[in-house]
Amino acid sequence: MSVTTTTHLNFRGDARAALEFYQSVFGGDLAVVTYSDAGSVGEESEADLVMWGQVRAGNGFHVMAYDVPSRLGYDQGENSFFVSVRGDTVEEVTGYWAKLSADSTVVVPLGPAGWAPAYGMLRDRFGVVWVVDVVGDYNG
């Protein structure tokens, strides 16, 4: 059993450029899944935006990012990051979710998603947004 936390940066249309920039600075591998790749296009104009992306380098650098869809609120200074908690099993992350969700506002209930066996998002009582999920293989 292992858990990792990763800074998850939020953008409105600039996620790919930001990830490419961070890769140029820190090195590593860039991975990007667009809303189209994931079959989750809400607005056609957003099909090629980043639904999930990351740069992971051998030196330990790891950052994730996405483009907040227009249907969700976004304020660069207020909503610019999430804390991502990723575990190996649904049972493991469910335990974290149960504790984090005390006095929280659930944004996306914890449950199966097309890209992971479990995914959920909440804003805790301190205003921090947590994304909790299980490592899953992307089959795009």
N, C-alpha and C. Protein backbone atom coordinates (compact mmCIF):
# COMPACT_ATOMS: atom_id res chain seq x y z
N MET A 1 0.84 -1.17 0.00
CA MET A 1 0.00 0.00 0.00
C MET A 1 0.89 1.23 0.00
N SER A 2 0.62 2.16 -0.92
CA SER A 2 1.36 3.41 -0.92
C SER A 2 0.45 4.54 -1.36
N VAL A 3 0.75 5.72 -0.89
CA VAL A 3 -0.01 6.90 -1.27
C VAL A 3 0.98 7.99 -1.64
N THR A 4 0.62 8.77 -2.65
CA THR A 4 1.45 9.91 -3.03
C THR A 4 0.58 11.15 -3.10
N THR A 5 1.20 12.29 -2.86
CA THR A 5 0.52 13.56 -3.08
C THR A 5 1.31 14.32 -4.13
N THR A 6 0.59 15.00 -4.98
CA THR A 6 1.20 15.73 -6.09
C THR A 6 0.46 17.05 -6.26
N THR A 7 1.19 18.10 -6.50
CA THR A 7 0.54 19.38 -6.82
C THR A 7 -0.14 19.24 -8.17
N HIS A 8 -1.40 19.65 -8.20
CA HIS A 8 -2.22 19.56 -9.42
C HIS A 8 -2.63 20.98 -9.77
N LEU A 9 -2.04 21.53 -10.82
CA LEU A 9 -2.27 22.92 -11.21
C LEU A 9 -3.46 23.02 -12.15
N ASN A 10 -4.23 24.08 -11.99
CA ASN A 10 -5.43 24.29 -12.79
C ASN A 10 -5.25 25.52 -13.68
N PHE A 11 -5.66 25.37 -14.92
CA PHE A 11 -5.54 26.44 -15.91
C PHE A 11 -6.84 26.57 -16.68
N ARG A 12 -6.94 27.60 -17.47
CA ARG A 12 -8.07 27.76 -18.38
C ARG A 12 -7.47 27.97 -19.76
N GLY A 13 -7.11 26.83 -20.40
CA GLY A 13 -6.59 26.87 -21.76
C GLY A 13 -5.08 26.88 -21.88
N ASP A 14 -4.35 26.96 -20.77
CA ASP A 14 -2.90 27.05 -20.83
C ASP A 14 -2.17 25.83 -20.26
N ALA A 15 -2.89 24.77 -19.94
CA ALA A 15 -2.26 23.62 -19.27
C ALA A 15 -1.16 22.99 -20.12
N ARG A 16 -1.41 22.79 -21.41
CA ARG A 16 -0.40 22.15 -22.26
C ARG A 16 0.87 23.01 -22.32
N ALA A 17 0.71 24.31 -22.53
CA ALA A 17 1.87 25.20 -22.61
C ALA A 17 2.62 25.21 -21.29
N ALA A 18 1.90 25.22 -20.17
CA ALA A 18 2.55 25.21 -18.85
C ALA A 18 3.33 23.92 -18.64
N LEU A 19 2.71 22.77 -18.96
CA LEU A 19 3.39 21.49 -18.79
C LEU A 19 4.63 21.40 -19.68
N GLU A 20 4.52 21.88 -20.92
CA GLU A 20 5.69 21.87 -21.81
C GLU A 20 6.80 22.75 -21.25
N PHE A 21 6.42 23.88 -20.67
CA PHE A 21 7.41 24.76 -20.05
C PHE A 21 8.09 24.07 -18.87
N TYR A 22 7.29 23.46 -17.98
CA TYR A 22 7.87 22.79 -16.82
C TYR A 22 8.77 21.63 -17.24
N GLN A 23 8.40 20.95 -18.32
CA GLN A 23 9.25 19.88 -18.84
C GLN A 23 10.57 20.46 -19.33
N SER A 24 10.53 21.64 -19.97
CA SER A 24 11.77 22.25 -20.45
C SER A 24 12.68 22.68 -19.30
N VAL A 25 12.09 22.98 -18.17
CA VAL A 25 12.86 23.40 -17.00
C VAL A 25 13.42 22.21 -16.23
N PHE A 26 12.57 21.22 -15.96
CA PHE A 26 12.94 20.11 -15.07
C PHE A 26 13.27 18.81 -15.79
N GLY A 27 13.00 18.74 -17.10
CA GLY A 27 13.19 17.49 -17.83
C GLY A 27 12.04 16.55 -17.56
N GLY A 28 12.23 15.28 -17.92
CA GLY A 28 11.22 14.27 -17.64
C GLY A 28 10.30 14.01 -18.81
N ASP A 29 9.28 13.23 -18.51
CA ASP A 29 8.32 12.80 -19.53
C ASP A 29 7.02 13.57 -19.38
N LEU A 30 6.48 13.99 -20.51
CA LEU A 30 5.22 14.70 -20.57
C LEU A 30 4.14 13.73 -21.02
N ALA A 31 3.03 13.70 -20.32
CA ALA A 31 1.87 12.91 -20.73
C ALA A 31 0.65 13.83 -20.72
N VAL A 32 -0.15 13.79 -21.78
CA VAL A 32 -1.33 14.63 -21.89
C VAL A 32 -2.49 13.80 -22.42
N VAL A 33 -3.64 13.93 -21.76
CA VAL A 33 -4.89 13.33 -22.23
C VAL A 33 -5.86 14.49 -22.43
N THR A 34 -6.38 14.65 -23.63
CA THR A 34 -7.33 15.71 -23.89
C THR A 34 -8.74 15.24 -23.54
N TYR A 35 -9.67 16.19 -23.48
CA TYR A 35 -11.07 15.83 -23.24
C TYR A 35 -11.56 14.91 -24.36
N SER A 36 -11.11 15.16 -25.57
CA SER A 36 -11.48 14.29 -26.70
C SER A 36 -10.93 12.88 -26.52
N ASP A 37 -9.65 12.79 -26.14
CA ASP A 37 -9.03 11.47 -25.92
C ASP A 37 -9.83 10.65 -24.92
N ALA A 38 -10.34 11.31 -23.88
CA ALA A 38 -11.04 10.62 -22.79
C ALA A 38 -12.53 10.44 -23.07
N GLY A 39 -13.00 10.96 -24.23
CA GLY A 39 -14.42 10.85 -24.54
C GLY A 39 -15.29 11.64 -23.58
N SER A 40 -14.79 12.80 -23.15
CA SER A 40 -15.49 13.60 -22.15
C SER A 40 -15.60 15.06 -22.61
N VAL A 41 -16.01 15.24 -23.85
CA VAL A 41 -16.11 16.59 -24.41
C VAL A 41 -17.45 17.20 -24.03
N GLY A 42 -17.41 18.29 -23.28
CA GLY A 42 -18.62 19.02 -22.93
C GLY A 42 -18.93 20.09 -23.96
N GLU A 43 -17.91 20.85 -24.32
CA GLU A 43 -18.01 21.91 -25.33
C GLU A 43 -17.03 21.56 -26.44
N GLU A 44 -17.48 21.54 -27.68
CA GLU A 44 -16.60 21.17 -28.81
C GLU A 44 -15.34 22.03 -28.85
N SER A 45 -15.45 23.29 -28.48
CA SER A 45 -14.29 24.18 -28.51
C SER A 45 -13.22 23.78 -27.49
N GLU A 46 -13.57 22.91 -26.55
CA GLU A 46 -12.64 22.48 -25.51
C GLU A 46 -12.12 21.07 -25.73
N ALA A 47 -12.45 20.45 -26.84
CA ALA A 47 -12.09 19.04 -27.10
C ALA A 47 -10.60 18.78 -27.00
N ASP A 48 -9.78 19.71 -27.45
CA ASP A 48 -8.33 19.49 -27.46
C ASP A 48 -7.62 20.07 -26.23
N LEU A 49 -8.38 20.55 -25.27
CA LEU A 49 -7.78 21.03 -24.04
C LEU A 49 -7.39 19.85 -23.17
N VAL A 50 -6.54 20.09 -22.18
CA VAL A 50 -6.00 19.04 -21.33
C VAL A 50 -6.99 18.67 -20.23
N MET A 51 -7.45 17.41 -20.26
CA MET A 51 -8.28 16.89 -19.18
C MET A 51 -7.39 16.38 -18.05
N TRP A 52 -6.26 15.83 -18.40
CA TRP A 52 -5.27 15.36 -17.44
C TRP A 52 -3.90 15.42 -18.10
N GLY A 53 -2.94 15.94 -17.38
CA GLY A 53 -1.58 15.97 -17.88
C GLY A 53 -0.60 15.95 -16.74
N GLN A 54 0.62 15.53 -17.05
CA GLN A 54 1.65 15.54 -16.02
C GLN A 54 3.02 15.60 -16.65
N VAL A 55 3.97 16.07 -15.85
CA VAL A 55 5.39 15.95 -16.14
C VAL A 55 5.98 15.21 -14.95
N ARG A 56 6.68 14.14 -15.24
CA ARG A 56 7.34 13.35 -14.19
C ARG A 56 8.78 13.14 -14.63
N ALA A 57 9.71 13.54 -13.75
CA ALA A 57 11.13 13.45 -14.08
C ALA A 57 11.85 12.52 -13.11
N GLY A 58 12.93 11.94 -13.58
CA GLY A 58 13.74 11.04 -12.77
C GLY A 58 14.36 11.71 -11.56
N ASN A 59 14.43 13.04 -11.57
CA ASN A 59 15.02 13.78 -10.45
C ASN A 59 14.02 14.00 -9.32
N GLY A 60 12.81 13.45 -9.46
CA GLY A 60 11.80 13.58 -8.42
C GLY A 60 10.73 14.62 -8.71
N PHE A 61 10.94 15.47 -9.71
CA PHE A 61 9.93 16.47 -10.04
C PHE A 61 8.68 15.78 -10.59
N HIS A 62 7.51 16.20 -10.08
CA HIS A 62 6.24 15.68 -10.57
C HIS A 62 5.19 16.76 -10.37
N VAL A 63 4.50 17.10 -11.44
CA VAL A 63 3.40 18.05 -11.36
C VAL A 63 2.32 17.57 -12.31
N MET A 64 1.07 17.77 -11.92
CA MET A 64 -0.07 17.44 -12.77
C MET A 64 -0.80 18.74 -13.10
N ALA A 65 -1.57 18.72 -14.20
CA ALA A 65 -2.30 19.92 -14.58
C ALA A 65 -3.49 19.57 -15.46
N TYR A 66 -4.46 20.48 -15.49
CA TYR A 66 -5.57 20.35 -16.43
C TYR A 66 -6.16 21.70 -16.74
N ASP A 67 -6.97 21.73 -17.80
CA ASP A 67 -7.71 22.93 -18.18
C ASP A 67 -9.12 22.81 -17.61
N VAL A 68 -9.47 23.72 -16.71
CA VAL A 68 -10.79 23.74 -16.10
C VAL A 68 -11.81 24.02 -17.21
N PRO A 69 -12.81 23.15 -17.38
CA PRO A 69 -13.80 23.39 -18.43
C PRO A 69 -14.65 24.62 -18.11
N SER A 70 -15.20 25.23 -19.15
CA SER A 70 -15.94 26.48 -19.00
C SER A 70 -17.19 26.31 -18.13
N ARG A 71 -17.71 25.10 -17.98
CA ARG A 71 -18.90 24.89 -17.16
C ARG A 71 -18.60 25.02 -15.66
N LEU A 72 -17.30 25.02 -15.30
CA LEU A 72 -16.89 25.16 -13.90
C LEU A 72 -16.27 26.52 -13.67
N GLY A 73 -16.46 27.05 -12.49
CA GLY A 73 -15.85 28.33 -12.15
C GLY A 73 -14.34 28.22 -12.09
N TYR A 74 -13.69 29.30 -12.42
CA TYR A 74 -12.24 29.32 -12.36
C TYR A 74 -11.77 30.74 -12.08
N ASP A 75 -10.96 30.87 -11.08
CA ASP A 75 -10.32 32.13 -10.74
C ASP A 75 -8.86 31.80 -10.51
N GLN A 76 -7.98 32.29 -11.36
CA GLN A 76 -6.57 31.92 -11.33
C GLN A 76 -5.96 32.10 -9.94
N GLY A 77 -6.33 33.13 -9.24
CA GLY A 77 -5.75 33.36 -7.93
C GLY A 77 -6.39 32.57 -6.81
N GLU A 78 -7.59 32.07 -7.04
CA GLU A 78 -8.32 31.38 -5.98
C GLU A 78 -8.44 29.87 -6.22
N ASN A 79 -8.42 29.46 -7.45
CA ASN A 79 -8.67 28.07 -7.81
C ASN A 79 -7.52 27.51 -8.64
N SER A 80 -6.29 27.86 -8.29
CA SER A 80 -5.17 27.54 -9.17
C SER A 80 -4.52 26.19 -8.93
N PHE A 81 -4.92 25.48 -7.86
CA PHE A 81 -4.31 24.17 -7.65
C PHE A 81 -5.24 23.26 -6.84
N PHE A 82 -4.98 21.95 -6.95
CA PHE A 82 -5.59 20.92 -6.11
C PHE A 82 -4.44 20.18 -5.45
N VAL A 83 -4.74 19.44 -4.40
CA VAL A 83 -3.81 18.45 -3.89
C VAL A 83 -4.35 17.11 -4.35
N SER A 84 -3.54 16.38 -5.08
CA SER A 84 -3.94 15.09 -5.62
C SER A 84 -3.40 13.99 -4.72
N VAL A 85 -4.30 13.12 -4.22
CA VAL A 85 -3.92 11.97 -3.42
C VAL A 85 -4.26 10.73 -4.24
N ARG A 86 -3.25 9.95 -4.54
CA ARG A 86 -3.43 8.79 -5.40
C ARG A 86 -3.00 7.54 -4.65
N GLY A 87 -3.86 6.56 -4.60
CA GLY A 87 -3.56 5.31 -3.92
C GLY A 87 -3.63 4.13 -4.87
N ASP A 88 -3.33 2.95 -4.34
CA ASP A 88 -3.29 1.74 -5.15
C ASP A 88 -4.63 1.02 -5.24
N THR A 89 -5.50 1.19 -4.24
CA THR A 89 -6.77 0.46 -4.22
C THR A 89 -7.93 1.38 -3.86
N VAL A 90 -9.12 0.95 -4.27
CA VAL A 90 -10.34 1.69 -3.93
C VAL A 90 -10.51 1.73 -2.42
N GLU A 91 -10.24 0.61 -1.76
CA GLU A 91 -10.40 0.55 -0.30
C GLU A 91 -9.49 1.57 0.39
N GLU A 92 -8.26 1.68 -0.07
CA GLU A 92 -7.31 2.61 0.53
C GLU A 92 -7.80 4.05 0.41
N VAL A 93 -8.15 4.47 -0.81
CA VAL A 93 -8.54 5.87 -0.99
C VAL A 93 -9.90 6.17 -0.37
N THR A 94 -10.75 5.16 -0.24
CA THR A 94 -12.05 5.36 0.41
C THR A 94 -11.85 5.76 1.86
N GLY A 95 -10.86 5.18 2.52
CA GLY A 95 -10.56 5.55 3.90
C GLY A 95 -10.12 7.00 4.02
N TYR A 96 -9.24 7.44 3.11
CA TYR A 96 -8.81 8.84 3.12
C TYR A 96 -9.99 9.76 2.84
N TRP A 97 -10.79 9.37 1.85
CA TRP A 97 -11.96 10.17 1.45
C TRP A 97 -12.91 10.35 2.65
N ALA A 98 -13.18 9.27 3.36
CA ALA A 98 -14.11 9.33 4.49
C ALA A 98 -13.63 10.35 5.53
N LYS A 99 -12.35 10.39 5.79
CA LYS A 99 -11.82 11.31 6.79
C LYS A 99 -11.75 12.74 6.25
N LEU A 100 -11.29 12.90 5.00
CA LEU A 100 -11.20 14.24 4.41
C LEU A 100 -12.57 14.89 4.25
N SER A 101 -13.59 14.09 4.02
CA SER A 101 -14.90 14.65 3.70
C SER A 101 -15.67 15.18 4.91
N ALA A 102 -15.14 15.00 6.12
CA ALA A 102 -15.79 15.55 7.31
C ALA A 102 -15.88 17.08 7.17
N ASP A 103 -17.08 17.61 7.25
CA ASP A 103 -17.33 19.05 7.14
C ASP A 103 -16.83 19.65 5.83
N SER A 104 -16.81 18.85 4.76
CA SER A 104 -16.33 19.34 3.46
C SER A 104 -17.51 19.59 2.53
N THR A 105 -17.18 20.15 1.37
CA THR A 105 -18.14 20.28 0.28
C THR A 105 -17.69 19.33 -0.81
N VAL A 106 -18.50 18.35 -1.11
CA VAL A 106 -18.15 17.38 -2.16
C VAL A 106 -18.42 18.03 -3.51
N VAL A 107 -17.39 18.06 -4.35
CA VAL A 107 -17.50 18.61 -5.70
C VAL A 107 -17.88 17.50 -6.68
N VAL A 108 -17.18 16.37 -6.60
CA VAL A 108 -17.48 15.17 -7.39
C VAL A 108 -17.46 14.00 -6.41
N PRO A 109 -18.59 13.30 -6.25
CA PRO A 109 -18.61 12.17 -5.30
C PRO A 109 -17.59 11.10 -5.70
N LEU A 110 -17.03 10.44 -4.70
CA LEU A 110 -16.07 9.37 -4.96
C LEU A 110 -16.80 8.20 -5.61
N GLY A 111 -16.28 7.77 -6.76
CA GLY A 111 -16.88 6.65 -7.47
C GLY A 111 -16.06 6.31 -8.70
N PRO A 112 -16.48 5.29 -9.44
CA PRO A 112 -15.76 4.90 -10.65
C PRO A 112 -15.79 6.03 -11.69
N ALA A 113 -14.71 6.12 -12.44
CA ALA A 113 -14.61 7.08 -13.54
C ALA A 113 -14.04 6.36 -14.75
N GLY A 114 -14.19 6.94 -15.91
CA GLY A 114 -13.70 6.32 -17.13
C GLY A 114 -12.19 6.12 -17.15
N TRP A 115 -11.48 6.86 -16.33
CA TRP A 115 -10.02 6.79 -16.34
C TRP A 115 -9.44 6.19 -15.06
N ALA A 116 -10.29 5.86 -14.09
CA ALA A 116 -9.78 5.32 -12.82
C ALA A 116 -10.87 4.50 -12.13
N PRO A 117 -10.47 3.48 -11.37
CA PRO A 117 -11.45 2.70 -10.62
C PRO A 117 -12.21 3.52 -9.58
N ALA A 118 -11.60 4.61 -9.11
CA ALA A 118 -12.27 5.52 -8.18
C ALA A 118 -11.68 6.91 -8.35
N TYR A 119 -12.56 7.92 -8.30
CA TYR A 119 -12.15 9.32 -8.43
C TYR A 119 -13.18 10.15 -7.67
N GLY A 120 -12.70 11.16 -6.95
CA GLY A 120 -13.59 12.10 -6.30
C GLY A 120 -12.87 13.40 -6.01
N MET A 121 -13.65 14.46 -5.81
CA MET A 121 -13.07 15.77 -5.53
C MET A 121 -13.91 16.44 -4.44
N LEU A 122 -13.21 17.06 -3.49
CA LEU A 122 -13.91 17.79 -2.44
C LEU A 122 -13.09 19.00 -2.01
N ARG A 123 -13.81 19.98 -1.42
CA ARG A 123 -13.16 21.14 -0.82
C ARG A 123 -13.31 20.95 0.69
N ASP A 124 -12.17 20.83 1.38
CA ASP A 124 -12.24 20.55 2.81
C ASP A 124 -12.65 21.80 3.60
N ARG A 125 -12.82 21.63 4.88
CA ARG A 125 -13.31 22.73 5.72
C ARG A 125 -12.34 23.90 5.80
N PHE A 126 -11.11 23.71 5.28
CA PHE A 126 -10.12 24.79 5.27
C PHE A 126 -10.03 25.46 3.90
N GLY A 127 -10.85 25.01 2.94
CA GLY A 127 -10.87 25.59 1.60
C GLY A 127 -9.93 24.93 0.61
N VAL A 128 -9.23 23.87 1.01
CA VAL A 128 -8.30 23.17 0.12
C VAL A 128 -9.08 22.14 -0.69
N VAL A 129 -8.85 22.14 -2.01
CA VAL A 129 -9.51 21.17 -2.88
C VAL A 129 -8.61 19.95 -3.03
N TRP A 130 -9.18 18.78 -2.74
CA TRP A 130 -8.49 17.50 -2.82
C TRP A 130 -9.09 16.68 -3.94
N VAL A 131 -8.23 16.09 -4.75
CA VAL A 131 -8.62 15.10 -5.76
C VAL A 131 -8.10 13.77 -5.25
N VAL A 132 -8.98 12.80 -5.05
CA VAL A 132 -8.62 11.49 -4.53
C VAL A 132 -8.93 10.47 -5.61
N ASP A 133 -7.93 9.65 -5.96
CA ASP A 133 -8.20 8.63 -6.98
C ASP A 133 -7.29 7.43 -6.82
N VAL A 134 -7.56 6.44 -7.63
CA VAL A 134 -6.78 5.19 -7.66
C VAL A 134 -6.00 5.18 -8.96
N VAL A 135 -4.75 4.77 -8.86
CA VAL A 135 -3.92 4.65 -10.05
C VAL A 135 -4.62 3.71 -11.02
N GLY A 136 -4.79 4.14 -12.24
CA GLY A 136 -5.43 3.32 -13.25
C GLY A 136 -4.72 3.47 -14.57
N ASP A 137 -4.77 2.43 -15.38
CA ASP A 137 -4.17 2.52 -16.72
C ASP A 137 -5.14 3.23 -17.64
N TYR A 138 -4.62 4.15 -18.43
CA TYR A 138 -5.43 4.85 -19.42
C TYR A 138 -5.44 4.03 -20.70
N ASN A 139 -6.61 3.75 -21.20
CA ASN A 139 -6.76 2.93 -22.39
C ASN A 139 -7.33 3.73 -23.55
N GLY A 140 -6.75 4.90 -23.81
CA GLY A 140 -7.28 5.79 -24.84
C GLY A 140 -6.84 5.42 -26.21
